[in-house]
């Protein structure tokens, strides 16, 4: 099994702006996966079956990092309006005492994602 891990889409949501920030982050991950596959097809490449999309949600001053697995099967079920198979859990990591390390990782990822 090949797992492709890329940092494609980073969205920031503040809790006061949206009560459903996590759902919006997942929706953005689904859209990013779909867009990535469309670009791959246009470039003559084979679309991915699965991809891990990383996301960051900011609640107050605390970053919460998410690892969101997305599959082509899930996207097809959403497009058809049918019930998808069970999805792997979305993993979120909320830092407590490791904010310095977390922010260092965030700073290090900026060149990769073009911020």
PDB file of N, CA and C in Angstrom:
ATOM      1  N   UNK A   1       0.845  -1.175   0.000  1.00  0.00           N
ATOM      2  CA  UNK A   1       0.000   0.000   0.000  1.00  0.00           C
ATOM      3  C   UNK A   1       0.886   1.232   0.000  1.00  0.00           C
ATOM      4  N   UNK A   2       0.620   2.136  -0.905  1.00  0.00           N
ATOM      5  CA  UNK A   2       1.390   3.368  -0.996  1.00  0.00           C
ATOM      6  C   UNK A   2       0.551   4.496  -0.416  1.00  0.00           C
ATOM      7  N   UNK A   3       1.140   5.229   0.461  1.00  0.00           N
ATOM      8  CA  UNK A   3       0.460   6.349   1.089  1.00  0.00           C
ATOM      9  C   UNK A   3       1.166   7.622   0.674  1.00  0.00           C
ATOM     10  N   UNK A   4       0.432   8.523   0.041  1.00  0.00           N
ATOM     11  CA  UNK A   4       1.001   9.790  -0.389  1.00  0.00           C
ATOM     12  C   UNK A   4       0.625  10.838   0.638  1.00  0.00           C
ATOM     13  N   UNK A   5       1.614  11.465   1.193  1.00  0.00           N
ATOM     14  CA  UNK A   5       1.375  12.483   2.216  1.00  0.00           C
ATOM     15  C   UNK A   5       1.896  13.810   1.713  1.00  0.00           C
ATOM     16  N   UNK A   6       1.003  14.775   1.606  1.00  0.00           N
ATOM     17  CA  UNK A   6       1.387  16.103   1.142  1.00  0.00           C
ATOM     18  C   UNK A   6       0.683  17.139   1.988  1.00  0.00           C
ATOM     19  N   UNK A   7       1.307  18.274   2.127  1.00  0.00           N
ATOM     20  CA  UNK A   7       0.698  19.390   2.826  1.00  0.00           C
ATOM     21  C   UNK A   7       0.128  20.294   1.754  1.00  0.00           C
ATOM     22  N   UNK A   8      -1.168  20.106   1.428  1.00  0.00           N
ATOM     23  CA  UNK A   8      -1.758  20.775   0.284  1.00  0.00           C
ATOM     24  C   UNK A   8      -2.580  22.000   0.632  1.00  0.00           C
ATOM     25  N   UNK A   9      -3.214  21.953   1.740  1.00  0.00           N
ATOM     26  CA  UNK A   9      -4.153  23.028   2.008  1.00  0.00           C
ATOM     27  C   UNK A   9      -4.163  23.314   3.496  1.00  0.00           C
ATOM     28  N   UNK A  10      -3.817  24.519   3.857  1.00  0.00           N
ATOM     29  CA  UNK A  10      -3.835  24.913   5.260  1.00  0.00           C
ATOM     30  C   UNK A  10      -4.895  25.989   5.400  1.00  0.00           C
ATOM     31  N   UNK A  11      -5.839  25.748   6.237  1.00  0.00           N
ATOM     32  CA  UNK A  11      -6.900  26.712   6.489  1.00  0.00           C
ATOM     33  C   UNK A  11      -6.877  27.090   7.949  1.00  0.00           C
ATOM     34  N   UNK A  12      -7.157  28.342   8.209  1.00  0.00           N
ATOM     35  CA  UNK A  12      -7.236  28.802   9.592  1.00  0.00           C
ATOM     36  C   UNK A  12      -8.677  29.197   9.885  1.00  0.00           C
ATOM     37  N   UNK A  13      -9.195  28.664  10.939  1.00  0.00           N
ATOM     38  CA  UNK A  13     -10.537  29.004  11.387  1.00  0.00           C
ATOM     39  C   UNK A  13     -10.453  29.408  12.845  1.00  0.00           C
ATOM     40  N   UNK A  14     -11.183  30.392  13.209  1.00  0.00           N
ATOM     41  CA  UNK A  14     -11.273  30.773  14.606  1.00  0.00           C
ATOM     42  C   UNK A  14     -12.639  30.305  15.102  1.00  0.00           C
ATOM     43  N   UNK A  15     -12.660  29.836  16.325  1.00  0.00           N
ATOM     44  CA  UNK A  15     -13.889  29.262  16.866  1.00  0.00           C
ATOM     45  C   UNK A  15     -15.031  30.274  16.810  1.00  0.00           C
ATOM     46  N   UNK A  16     -14.737  31.562  17.036  1.00  0.00           N
ATOM     47  CA  UNK A  16     -15.789  32.570  17.024  1.00  0.00           C
ATOM     48  C   UNK A  16     -16.342  32.794  15.618  1.00  0.00           C
ATOM     49  N   UNK A  17     -15.570  32.468  14.578  1.00  0.00           N
ATOM     50  CA  UNK A  17     -16.029  32.683  13.216  1.00  0.00           C
ATOM     51  C   UNK A  17     -16.967  31.578  12.747  1.00  0.00           C
ATOM     52  N   UNK A  18     -16.799  30.381  13.257  1.00  0.00           N
ATOM     53  CA  UNK A  18     -17.617  29.278  12.789  1.00  0.00           C
ATOM     54  C   UNK A  18     -17.721  28.190  13.851  1.00  0.00           C
ATOM     55  N   UNK A  19     -18.944  27.825  14.210  1.00  0.00           N
ATOM     56  CA  UNK A  19     -19.090  26.739  15.184  1.00  0.00           C
ATOM     57  C   UNK A  19     -18.737  25.380  14.582  1.00  0.00           C
ATOM     58  N   UNK A  20     -18.741  25.275  13.264  1.00  0.00           N
ATOM     59  CA  UNK A  20     -18.454  24.005  12.597  1.00  0.00           C
ATOM     60  C   UNK A  20     -17.110  24.053  11.881  1.00  0.00           C
ATOM     61  N   UNK A  21     -16.111  24.605  12.551  1.00  0.00           N
ATOM     62  CA  UNK A  21     -14.804  24.790  11.921  1.00  0.00           C
ATOM     63  C   UNK A  21     -14.176  23.463  11.516  1.00  0.00           C
ATOM     64  N   UNK A  22     -14.332  22.430  12.328  1.00  0.00           N
ATOM     65  CA  UNK A  22     -13.742  21.132  11.984  1.00  0.00           C
ATOM     66  C   UNK A  22     -14.400  20.563  10.729  1.00  0.00           C
ATOM     67  N   UNK A  23     -15.711  20.690  10.617  1.00  0.00           N
ATOM     68  CA  UNK A  23     -16.406  20.209   9.421  1.00  0.00           C
ATOM     69  C   UNK A  23     -15.947  20.984   8.188  1.00  0.00           C
ATOM     70  N   UNK A  24     -15.726  22.285   8.337  1.00  0.00           N
ATOM     71  CA  UNK A  24     -15.242  23.086   7.215  1.00  0.00           C
ATOM     72  C   UNK A  24     -13.833  22.671   6.814  1.00  0.00           C
ATOM     73  N   UNK A  25     -13.015  22.350   7.793  1.00  0.00           N
ATOM     74  CA  UNK A  25     -11.653  21.904   7.507  1.00  0.00           C
ATOM     75  C   UNK A  25     -11.673  20.586   6.734  1.00  0.00           C
ATOM     76  N   UNK A  26     -12.547  19.667   7.127  1.00  0.00           N
ATOM     77  CA  UNK A  26     -12.677  18.392   6.412  1.00  0.00           C
ATOM     78  C   UNK A  26     -13.192  18.643   4.993  1.00  0.00           C
ATOM     79  N   UNK A  27     -14.165  19.540   4.842  1.00  0.00           N
ATOM     80  CA  UNK A  27     -14.679  19.868   3.508  1.00  0.00           C
ATOM     81  C   UNK A  27     -13.572  20.445   2.629  1.00  0.00           C
ATOM     82  N   UNK A  28     -12.725  21.286   3.201  1.00  0.00           N
ATOM     83  CA  UNK A  28     -11.597  21.840   2.450  1.00  0.00           C
ATOM     84  C   UNK A  28     -10.618  20.742   2.041  1.00  0.00           C
ATOM     85  N   UNK A  29     -10.408  19.761   2.912  1.00  0.00           N
ATOM     86  CA  UNK A  29      -9.515  18.644   2.586  1.00  0.00           C
ATOM     87  C   UNK A  29     -10.087  17.827   1.427  1.00  0.00           C
ATOM     88  N   UNK A  30     -11.401  17.586   1.453  1.00  0.00           N
ATOM     89  CA  UNK A  30     -12.047  16.856   0.362  1.00  0.00           C
ATOM     90  C   UNK A  30     -11.915  17.625  -0.951  1.00  0.00           C
ATOM     91  N   UNK A  31     -12.129  18.938  -0.892  1.00  0.00           N
ATOM     92  CA  UNK A  31     -12.005  19.771  -2.091  1.00  0.00           C
ATOM     93  C   UNK A  31     -10.567  19.788  -2.603  1.00  0.00           C
ATOM     94  N   UNK A  32      -9.599  19.853  -1.698  1.00  0.00           N
ATOM     95  CA  UNK A  32      -8.187  19.857  -2.100  1.00  0.00           C
ATOM     96  C   UNK A  32      -7.828  18.548  -2.802  1.00  0.00           C
ATOM     97  N   UNK A  33      -8.296  17.423  -2.259  1.00  0.00           N
ATOM     98  CA  UNK A  33      -8.024  16.117  -2.870  1.00  0.00           C
ATOM     99  C   UNK A  33      -8.625  16.048  -4.269  1.00  0.00           C
ATOM    100  N   UNK A  34      -9.877  16.471  -4.387  1.00  0.00           N
ATOM    101  CA  UNK A  34     -10.556  16.444  -5.678  1.00  0.00           C
ATOM    102  C   UNK A  34      -9.833  17.339  -6.684  1.00  0.00           C
ATOM    103  N   UNK A  35      -9.450  18.530  -6.253  1.00  0.00           N
ATOM    104  CA  UNK A  35      -8.738  19.463  -7.122  1.00  0.00           C
ATOM    105  C   UNK A  35      -7.380  18.892  -7.542  1.00  0.00           C
ATOM    106  N   UNK A  36      -6.662  18.288  -6.604  1.00  0.00           N
ATOM    107  CA  UNK A  36      -5.364  17.683  -6.926  1.00  0.00           C
ATOM    108  C   UNK A  36      -5.514  16.596  -7.987  1.00  0.00           C
ATOM    109  N   UNK A  37      -6.552  15.769  -7.851  1.00  0.00           N
ATOM    110  CA  UNK A  37      -6.757  14.701  -8.836  1.00  0.00           C
ATOM    111  C   UNK A  37      -7.153  15.260 -10.199  1.00  0.00           C
ATOM    112  N   UNK A  38      -7.965  16.319 -10.221  1.00  0.00           N
ATOM    113  CA  UNK A  38      -8.323  16.950 -11.496  1.00  0.00           C
ATOM    114  C   UNK A  38      -7.076  17.487 -12.191  1.00  0.00           C
ATOM    115  N   UNK A  39      -6.185  18.108 -11.426  1.00  0.00           N
ATOM    116  CA  UNK A  39      -4.948  18.636 -12.005  1.00  0.00           C
ATOM    117  C   UNK A  39      -4.048  17.506 -12.501  1.00  0.00           C
ATOM    118  N   UNK A  40      -4.029  16.391 -11.790  1.00  0.00           N
ATOM    119  CA  UNK A  40      -3.230  15.246 -12.228  1.00  0.00           C
ATOM    120  C   UNK A  40      -3.754  14.705 -13.561  1.00  0.00           C
ATOM    121  N   UNK A  41      -5.076  14.597 -13.697  1.00  0.00           N
ATOM    122  CA  UNK A  41      -5.670  14.094 -14.939  1.00  0.00           C
ATOM    123  C   UNK A  41      -5.356  15.048 -16.090  1.00  0.00           C
ATOM    124  N   UNK A  42      -5.495  16.360 -15.853  1.00  0.00           N
ATOM    125  CA  UNK A  42      -5.190  17.348 -16.893  1.00  0.00           C
ATOM    126  C   UNK A  42      -3.728  17.278 -17.323  1.00  0.00           C
ATOM    127  N   UNK A  43      -2.848  16.904 -16.403  1.00  0.00           N
ATOM    128  CA  UNK A  43      -1.419  16.796 -16.708  1.00  0.00           C
ATOM    129  C   UNK A  43      -1.056  15.432 -17.293  1.00  0.00           C
ATOM    130  N   UNK A  44      -2.063  14.563 -17.491  1.00  0.00           N
ATOM    131  CA  UNK A  44      -1.810  13.247 -18.056  1.00  0.00           C
ATOM    132  C   UNK A  44      -1.283  12.234 -17.056  1.00  0.00           C
ATOM    133  N   UNK A  45      -1.478  12.504 -15.789  1.00  0.00           N
ATOM    134  CA  UNK A  45      -1.020  11.586 -14.741  1.00  0.00           C
ATOM    135  C   UNK A  45      -2.213  10.804 -14.192  1.00  0.00           C
ATOM    136  N   UNK A  46      -1.924   9.713 -13.531  1.00  0.00           N
ATOM    137  CA  UNK A  46      -2.970   8.872 -12.942  1.00  0.00           C
ATOM    138  C   UNK A  46      -3.454   9.520 -11.641  1.00  0.00           C
ATOM    139  N   UNK A  47      -4.791   9.628 -11.450  1.00  0.00           N
ATOM    140  CA  UNK A  47      -5.289  10.195 -10.190  1.00  0.00           C
ATOM    141  C   UNK A  47      -4.976   9.288  -9.006  1.00  0.00           C
ATOM    142  N   UNK A  48      -4.816   9.900  -7.858  1.00  0.00           N
ATOM    143  CA  UNK A  48      -4.512   9.158  -6.634  1.00  0.00           C
ATOM    144  C   UNK A  48      -5.765   8.479  -6.100  1.00  0.00           C
ATOM    145  N   UNK A  49      -5.607   7.301  -5.514  1.00  0.00           N
ATOM    146  CA  UNK A  49      -6.721   6.615  -4.862  1.00  0.00           C
ATOM    147  C   UNK A  49      -6.902   7.109  -3.435  1.00  0.00           C
ATOM    148  N   UNK A  50      -5.811   7.487  -2.804  1.00  0.00           N
ATOM    149  CA  UNK A  50      -5.864   7.951  -1.421  1.00  0.00           C
ATOM    150  C   UNK A  50      -4.796   9.008  -1.199  1.00  0.00           C
ATOM    151  N   UNK A  51      -5.065   9.901  -0.282  1.00  0.00           N
ATOM    152  CA  UNK A  51      -4.109  10.945   0.045  1.00  0.00           C
ATOM    153  C   UNK A  51      -4.378  11.422   1.468  1.00  0.00           C
ATOM    154  N   UNK A  52      -3.319  11.776   2.155  1.00  0.00           N
ATOM    155  CA  UNK A  52      -3.438  12.368   3.480  1.00  0.00           C
ATOM    156  C   UNK A  52      -3.314  13.875   3.313  1.00  0.00           C
ATOM    157  N   UNK A  53      -4.326  14.596   3.753  1.00  0.00           N
ATOM    158  CA  UNK A  53      -4.312  16.053   3.714  1.00  0.00           C
ATOM    159  C   UNK A  53      -4.088  16.531   5.144  1.00  0.00           C
ATOM    160  N   UNK A  54      -3.135  17.417   5.302  1.00  0.00           N
ATOM    161  CA  UNK A  54      -2.866  17.983   6.618  1.00  0.00           C
ATOM    162  C   UNK A  54      -3.565  19.324   6.737  1.00  0.00           C
ATOM    163  N   UNK A  55      -4.119  19.589   7.910  1.00  0.00           N
ATOM    164  CA  UNK A  55      -4.802  20.849   8.155  1.00  0.00           C
ATOM    165  C   UNK A  55      -4.436  21.398   9.513  1.00  0.00           C
ATOM    166  N   UNK A  56      -4.594  22.692   9.638  1.00  0.00           N
ATOM    167  CA  UNK A  56      -4.342  23.356  10.916  1.00  0.00           C
ATOM    168  C   UNK A  56      -5.564  24.197  11.239  1.00  0.00           C
ATOM    169  N   UNK A  57      -6.084  24.018  12.437  1.00  0.00           N
ATOM    170  CA  UNK A  57      -7.176  24.853  12.917  1.00  0.00           C
ATOM    171  C   UNK A  57      -6.650  25.618  14.123  1.00  0.00           C
ATOM    172  N   UNK A  58      -6.869  26.914  14.136  1.00  0.00           N
ATOM    173  CA  UNK A  58      -6.427  27.756  15.241  1.00  0.00           C
ATOM    174  C   UNK A  58      -7.643  28.059  16.113  1.00  0.00           C
ATOM    175  N   UNK A  59      -7.568  27.672  17.370  1.00  0.00           N
ATOM    176  CA  UNK A  59      -8.626  27.982  18.335  1.00  0.00           C
ATOM    177  C   UNK A  59      -7.987  28.882  19.381  1.00  0.00           C
ATOM    178  N   UNK A  60      -8.368  30.148  19.365  1.00  0.00           N
ATOM    179  CA  UNK A  60      -7.685  31.118  20.216  1.00  0.00           C
ATOM    180  C   UNK A  60      -6.269  31.278  19.706  1.00  0.00           C
ATOM    181  N   UNK A  61      -5.300  30.934  20.525  1.00  0.00           N
ATOM    182  CA  UNK A  61      -3.901  30.960  20.094  1.00  0.00           C
ATOM    183  C   UNK A  61      -3.318  29.558  19.998  1.00  0.00           C
ATOM    184  N   UNK A  62      -4.152  28.554  20.125  1.00  0.00           N
ATOM    185  CA  UNK A  62      -3.684  27.170  20.125  1.00  0.00           C
ATOM    186  C   UNK A  62      -3.893  26.532  18.757  1.00  0.00           C
ATOM    187  N   UNK A  63      -2.816  26.085  18.115  1.00  0.00           N
ATOM    188  CA  UNK A  63      -3.000  25.370  16.850  1.00  0.00           C
ATOM    189  C   UNK A  63      -3.378  23.913  17.112  1.00  0.00           C
ATOM    190  N   UNK A  64      -4.310  23.414  16.323  1.00  0.00           N
ATOM    191  CA  UNK A  64      -4.670  22.000  16.364  1.00  0.00           C
ATOM    192  C   UNK A  64      -4.379  21.452  14.972  1.00  0.00           C
ATOM    193  N   UNK A  65      -3.504  20.460  14.902  1.00  0.00           N
ATOM    194  CA  UNK A  65      -3.088  19.881  13.636  1.00  0.00           C
ATOM    195  C   UNK A  65      -3.931  18.646  13.345  1.00  0.00           C
ATOM    196  N   UNK A  66      -4.390  18.529  12.103  1.00  0.00           N
ATOM    197  CA  UNK A  66      -5.237  17.407  11.701  1.00  0.00           C
ATOM    198  C   UNK A  66      -4.580  16.619  10.581  1.00  0.00           C
ATOM    199  N   UNK A  67      -4.759  15.325  10.637  1.00  0.00           N
ATOM    200  CA  UNK A  67      -4.326  14.400   9.588  1.00  0.00           C
ATOM    201  C   UNK A  67      -5.615  13.792   9.040  1.00  0.00           C
ATOM    202  N   UNK A  68      -5.988  14.187   7.815  1.00  0.00           N
ATOM    203  CA  UNK A  68      -7.285  13.823   7.254  1.00  0.00           C
ATOM    204  C   UNK A  68      -7.084  12.876   6.065  1.00  0.00           C
ATOM    205  N   UNK A  69      -7.437  11.595   6.220  1.00  0.00           N
ATOM    206  CA  UNK A  69      -7.330  10.667   5.088  1.00  0.00           C
ATOM    207  C   UNK A  69      -8.520  10.841   4.142  1.00  0.00           C
ATOM    208  N   UNK A  70      -8.235  10.943   2.852  1.00  0.00           N
ATOM    209  CA  UNK A  70      -9.284  11.112   1.847  1.00  0.00           C
ATOM    210  C   UNK A  70      -9.066  10.062   0.763  1.00  0.00           C
ATOM    211  N   UNK A  71     -10.170   9.461   0.302  1.00  0.00           N
ATOM    212  CA  UNK A  71     -10.077   8.462  -0.765  1.00  0.00           C
ATOM    213  C   UNK A  71     -10.940   8.879  -1.950  1.00  0.00           C
ATOM    214  N   UNK A  72     -10.593   8.352  -3.110  1.00  0.00           N
ATOM    215  CA  UNK A  72     -11.374   8.639  -4.313  1.00  0.00           C
ATOM    216  C   UNK A  72     -12.777   8.054  -4.175  1.00  0.00           C
ATOM    217  N   UNK A  73     -12.896   6.902  -3.511  1.00  0.00           N
ATOM    218  CA  UNK A  73     -14.194   6.277  -3.276  1.00  0.00           C
ATOM    219  C   UNK A  73     -15.103   7.198  -2.456  1.00  0.00           C
ATOM    220  N   UNK A  74     -14.543   7.822  -1.433  1.00  0.00           N
ATOM    221  CA  UNK A  74     -15.323   8.748  -0.609  1.00  0.00           C
ATOM    222  C   UNK A  74     -15.821   9.924  -1.447  1.00  0.00           C
ATOM    223  N   UNK A  75     -14.952  10.481  -2.286  1.00  0.00           N
ATOM    224  CA  UNK A  75     -15.334  11.608  -3.143  1.00  0.00           C
ATOM    225  C   UNK A  75     -16.459  11.203  -4.092  1.00  0.00           C
ATOM    226  N   UNK A  76     -16.380   9.997  -4.662  1.00  0.00           N
ATOM    227  CA  UNK A  76     -17.425   9.518  -5.574  1.00  0.00           C
ATOM    228  C   UNK A  76     -18.763   9.360  -4.855  1.00  0.00           C
ATOM    229  N   UNK A  77     -18.749   8.843  -3.628  1.00  0.00           N
ATOM    230  CA  UNK A  77     -19.994   8.705  -2.864  1.00  0.00           C
ATOM    231  C   UNK A  77     -20.603  10.074  -2.562  1.00  0.00           C
ATOM    232  N   UNK A  78     -19.772  11.030  -2.224  1.00  0.00           N
ATOM    233  CA  UNK A  78     -20.279  12.379  -1.944  1.00  0.00           C
ATOM    234  C   UNK A  78     -20.887  12.976  -3.206  1.00  0.00           C
ATOM    235  N   UNK A  79     -20.212  12.818  -4.346  1.00  0.00           N
ATOM    236  CA  UNK A  79     -20.712  13.362  -5.612  1.00  0.00           C
ATOM    237  C   UNK A  79     -22.044  12.730  -6.012  1.00  0.00           C
ATOM    238  N   UNK A  80     -22.226  11.433  -5.710  1.00  0.00           N
ATOM    239  CA  UNK A  80     -23.455  10.727  -6.067  1.00  0.00           C
ATOM    240  C   UNK A  80     -24.542  10.863  -5.008  1.00  0.00           C
ATOM    241  N   UNK A  81     -24.185  11.411  -3.860  1.00  0.00           N
ATOM    242  CA  UNK A  81     -25.159  11.558  -2.786  1.00  0.00           C
ATOM    243  C   UNK A  81     -25.505  10.244  -2.114  1.00  0.00           C
ATOM    244  N   UNK A  82     -24.588   9.274  -2.159  1.00  0.00           N
ATOM    245  CA  UNK A  82     -24.820   7.982  -1.516  1.00  0.00           C
ATOM    246  C   UNK A  82     -24.024   7.901  -0.220  1.00  0.00           C
ATOM    247  N   UNK A  83     -24.415   6.963   0.609  1.00  0.00           N
ATOM    248  CA  UNK A  83     -23.763   6.809   1.904  1.00  0.00           C
ATOM    249  C   UNK A  83     -22.401   6.154   1.712  1.00  0.00           C
ATOM    250  N   UNK A  84     -21.335   6.784   2.173  1.00  0.00           N
ATOM    251  CA  UNK A  84     -19.996   6.213   1.974  1.00  0.00           C
ATOM    252  C   UNK A  84     -19.707   5.087   2.956  1.00  0.00           C
ATOM    253  N   UNK A  85     -18.696   4.278   2.637  1.00  0.00           N
ATOM    254  CA  UNK A  85     -18.264   3.254   3.594  1.00  0.00           C
ATOM    255  C   UNK A  85     -17.635   3.928   4.808  1.00  0.00           C
ATOM    256  N   UNK A  86     -17.438   3.179   5.882  1.00  0.00           N
ATOM    257  CA  UNK A  86     -16.823   3.788   7.065  1.00  0.00           C
ATOM    258  C   UNK A  86     -15.483   4.434   6.716  1.00  0.00           C
ATOM    259  N   UNK A  87     -15.303   5.643   7.208  1.00  0.00           N
ATOM    260  CA  UNK A  87     -14.096   6.406   6.919  1.00  0.00           C
ATOM    261  C   UNK A  87     -13.103   6.242   8.056  1.00  0.00           C
ATOM    262  N   UNK A  88     -11.809   6.199   7.745  1.00  0.00           N
ATOM    263  CA  UNK A  88     -10.828   6.159   8.836  1.00  0.00           C
ATOM    264  C   UNK A  88     -10.977   7.403   9.704  1.00  0.00           C
ATOM    265  N   UNK A  89     -10.647   7.301  10.963  1.00  0.00           N
ATOM    266  CA  UNK A  89     -10.819   8.463  11.840  1.00  0.00           C
ATOM    267  C   UNK A  89      -9.886   9.606  11.454  1.00  0.00           C
ATOM    268  N   UNK A  90     -10.372  10.816  11.677  1.00  0.00           N
ATOM    269  CA  UNK A  90      -9.565  12.014  11.471  1.00  0.00           C
ATOM    270  C   UNK A  90      -8.804  12.246  12.754  1.00  0.00           C
ATOM    271  N   UNK A  91      -7.512  12.354  12.631  1.00  0.00           N
ATOM    272  CA  UNK A  91      -6.678  12.502  13.813  1.00  0.00           C
ATOM    273  C   UNK A  91      -6.360  13.973  14.028  1.00  0.00           C
ATOM    274  N   UNK A  92      -6.639  14.448  15.229  1.00  0.00           N
ATOM    275  CA  UNK A  92      -6.281  15.810  15.598  1.00  0.00           C
ATOM    276  C   UNK A  92      -5.311  15.783  16.754  1.00  0.00           C
ATOM    277  N   UNK A  93      -4.375  16.706  16.752  1.00  0.00           N
ATOM    278  CA  UNK A  93      -3.395  16.766  17.829  1.00  0.00           C
ATOM    279  C   UNK A  93      -3.421  18.167  18.403  1.00  0.00           C
ATOM    280  N   UNK A  94      -3.775  18.264  19.650  1.00  0.00           N
ATOM    281  CA  UNK A  94      -3.824  19.552  20.321  1.00  0.00           C
ATOM    282  C   UNK A  94      -2.629  19.642  21.259  1.00  0.00           C
ATOM    283  N   UNK A  95      -1.739  20.582  20.999  1.00  0.00           N
ATOM    284  CA  UNK A  95      -0.546  20.680  21.846  1.00  0.00           C
ATOM    285  C   UNK A  95      -0.880  21.235  23.224  1.00  0.00           C
ATOM    286  N   UNK A  96      -0.208  20.739  24.211  1.00  0.00           N
ATOM    287  CA  UNK A  96      -0.375  21.265  25.556  1.00  0.00           C
ATOM    288  C   UNK A  96       0.907  21.947  26.003  1.00  0.00           C
ATOM    289  N   UNK A  97       1.939  21.165  26.230  1.00  0.00           N
ATOM    290  CA  UNK A  97       3.185  21.731  26.719  1.00  0.00           C
ATOM    291  C   UNK A  97       4.234  21.853  25.624  1.00  0.00           C
ATOM    292  N   UNK A  98       3.887  21.559  24.411  1.00  0.00           N
ATOM    293  CA  UNK A  98       4.884  21.518  23.351  1.00  0.00           C
ATOM    294  C   UNK A  98       4.667  22.614  22.304  1.00  0.00           C
ATOM    295  N   UNK A  99       4.173  23.757  22.719  1.00  0.00           N
ATOM    296  CA  UNK A  99       3.872  24.815  21.754  1.00  0.00           C
ATOM    297  C   UNK A  99       5.105  25.280  20.986  1.00  0.00           C
ATOM    298  N   UNK A 100       6.255  25.341  21.651  1.00  0.00           N
ATOM    299  CA  UNK A 100       7.470  25.774  20.962  1.00  0.00           C
ATOM    300  C   UNK A 100       7.806  24.810  19.827  1.00  0.00           C
ATOM    301  N   UNK A 101       7.751  23.515  20.097  1.00  0.00           N
ATOM    302  CA  UNK A 101       8.057  22.530  19.069  1.00  0.00           C
ATOM    303  C   UNK A 101       7.022  22.568  17.941  1.00  0.00           C
ATOM    304  N   UNK A 102       5.759  22.729  18.308  1.00  0.00           N
ATOM    305  CA  UNK A 102       4.690  22.775  17.311  1.00  0.00           C
ATOM    306  C   UNK A 102       4.884  23.972  16.393  1.00  0.00           C
ATOM    307  N   UNK A 103       5.117  25.139  16.976  1.00  0.00           N
ATOM    308  CA  UNK A 103       5.282  26.334  16.159  1.00  0.00           C
ATOM    309  C   UNK A 103       6.560  26.258  15.327  1.00  0.00           C
ATOM    310  N   UNK A 104       7.582  25.590  15.821  1.00  0.00           N
ATOM    311  CA  UNK A 104       8.801  25.377  15.028  1.00  0.00           C
ATOM    312  C   UNK A 104       8.488  24.528  13.796  1.00  0.00           C
ATOM    313  N   UNK A 105       7.676  23.487  13.984  1.00  0.00           N
ATOM    314  CA  UNK A 105       7.274  22.647  12.853  1.00  0.00           C
ATOM    315  C   UNK A 105       6.436  23.443  11.857  1.00  0.00           C
ATOM    316  N   UNK A 106       5.560  24.278  12.379  1.00  0.00           N
ATOM    317  CA  UNK A 106       4.728  25.113  11.511  1.00  0.00           C
ATOM    318  C   UNK A 106       5.601  26.060  10.695  1.00  0.00           C
ATOM    319  N   UNK A 107       6.554  26.707  11.352  1.00  0.00           N
ATOM    320  CA  UNK A 107       7.466  27.615  10.653  1.00  0.00           C
ATOM    321  C   UNK A 107       8.267  26.860   9.594  1.00  0.00           C
ATOM    322  N   UNK A 108       8.706  25.653   9.923  1.00  0.00           N
ATOM    323  CA  UNK A 108       9.486  24.859   8.975  1.00  0.00           C
ATOM    324  C   UNK A 108       8.654  24.430   7.768  1.00  0.00           C
ATOM    325  N   UNK A 109       7.331  24.314   7.936  1.00  0.00           N
ATOM    326  CA  UNK A 109       6.478  23.878   6.830  1.00  0.00           C
ATOM    327  C   UNK A 109       6.106  25.017   5.889  1.00  0.00           C
ATOM    328  N   UNK A 110       6.330  26.263   6.291  1.00  0.00           N
ATOM    329  CA  UNK A 110       5.946  27.400   5.449  1.00  0.00           C
ATOM    330  C   UNK A 110       6.553  27.360   4.047  1.00  0.00           C
ATOM    331  N   UNK A 111       7.848  27.074   3.889  1.00  0.00           N
ATOM    332  CA  UNK A 111       8.388  27.022   2.523  1.00  0.00           C
ATOM    333  C   UNK A 111       7.760  25.922   1.666  1.00  0.00           C
ATOM    334  N   UNK A 112       7.346  24.835   2.298  1.00  0.00           N
ATOM    335  CA  UNK A 112       6.758  23.719   1.558  1.00  0.00           C
ATOM    336  C   UNK A 112       5.400  24.107   0.990  1.00  0.00           C
ATOM    337  N   UNK A 113       4.621  24.844   1.777  1.00  0.00           N
ATOM    338  CA  UNK A 113       3.263  25.183   1.349  1.00  0.00           C
ATOM    339  C   UNK A 113       3.161  26.555   0.716  1.00  0.00           C
ATOM    340  N   UNK A 114       4.265  27.290   0.696  1.00  0.00           N
ATOM    341  CA  UNK A 114       4.290  28.577   0.009  1.00  0.00           C
ATOM    342  C   UNK A 114       3.669  29.724   0.766  1.00  0.00           C
ATOM    343  N   UNK A 115       3.793  29.721   2.072  1.00  0.00           N
ATOM    344  CA  UNK A 115       3.275  30.840   2.876  1.00  0.00           C
ATOM    345  C   UNK A 115       4.369  31.860   3.057  1.00  0.00           C
TER     346      UNK A 115
END
